Amino acid sequence: MKFRVQVMTGGLIAAVVLAAGFSGFPAQAGSPVPDRLLEEARRLAALEEDYFQKRKNHDWKALYALQHPTFQKHVTFEEYLFHEGRVVFDYRDDPEHHLSGGLTPSLGFIRSAPPKKDALGFPQERTYRWFVNPHVTIEDYRLDRISISADGNYAMVALTLLGKERLPPSMVRGNIEFDTKRRHVDYWEKIDGQWRIALLANPAKISGGSKVWYFIPNDNSAWETRSYYEVDPERLASRPEK
């Protein structure tokens, strides 16, 4: 399958970014992208492809290795796996991650937890959770835009996730499934020369807005004062044939 491109308008990319809680400043419209940043954007496009495949294949150790070092200091690999990748550094303060009765599972409990089982009691593989809804399966993506900071240390990769959504079997009879498209933004920060996923804070706690499962680093201070160059995917190398 060939690389599929959608060049987003300024208004649409702004809507995606604002929905994610980001408040940085865009670069001047029409500003030429410096060669060094264009090369970084190519690296990010390749890294995003690799990150997507790791999420799709539930490659847990590789996924955890790509997380921000500060995140790793707060969340162990066992916790990351237990929550199927859908966890932030301060999740113990978030009631959505609490078990029934209002208690957050201890690290000891997580490390000793039995394998996950399905409704019939059979062992079940832990799968990467893109969304709260467990009936959404992501199969592919479209790269929409890469926004990279002028200093080359921060980047946002806007995607359209492509997959299938199934109506809850408990609510309908039969297997009712349909195509779905979901907007998504991955935030990256360069740490010691290596790009890492910046999953450090829930923007809802910062902006007071509605809760959205996108996360930004450093309480937003690292992002809000920077300008960004927007790189269209057409300027980057295409994704490999599948």
Foldseek 3Di string as FASTA:
>chain_A
DWADFDADDPVVVVVLCVVQLAAAAADPPPDDDDPVLLVLVQVVVVVVVVQVVCQLVVVQVVNVVQADPVLCVQAPSLRCQLVQNQDASPCQVPQVQADPVSHHDDPVCSVVPDADADPVGHGDHRHRDPDPDPQWRFDDKHWHKKKAFPVRFKIKTKIKTKTKGWDPCVVDPDTDMDIDIDIDIFIWGADPNRIHTARHAFSCVQPVDDGDSHHHHDSNPVGHHTYIYMDGCVSYDMDDDD
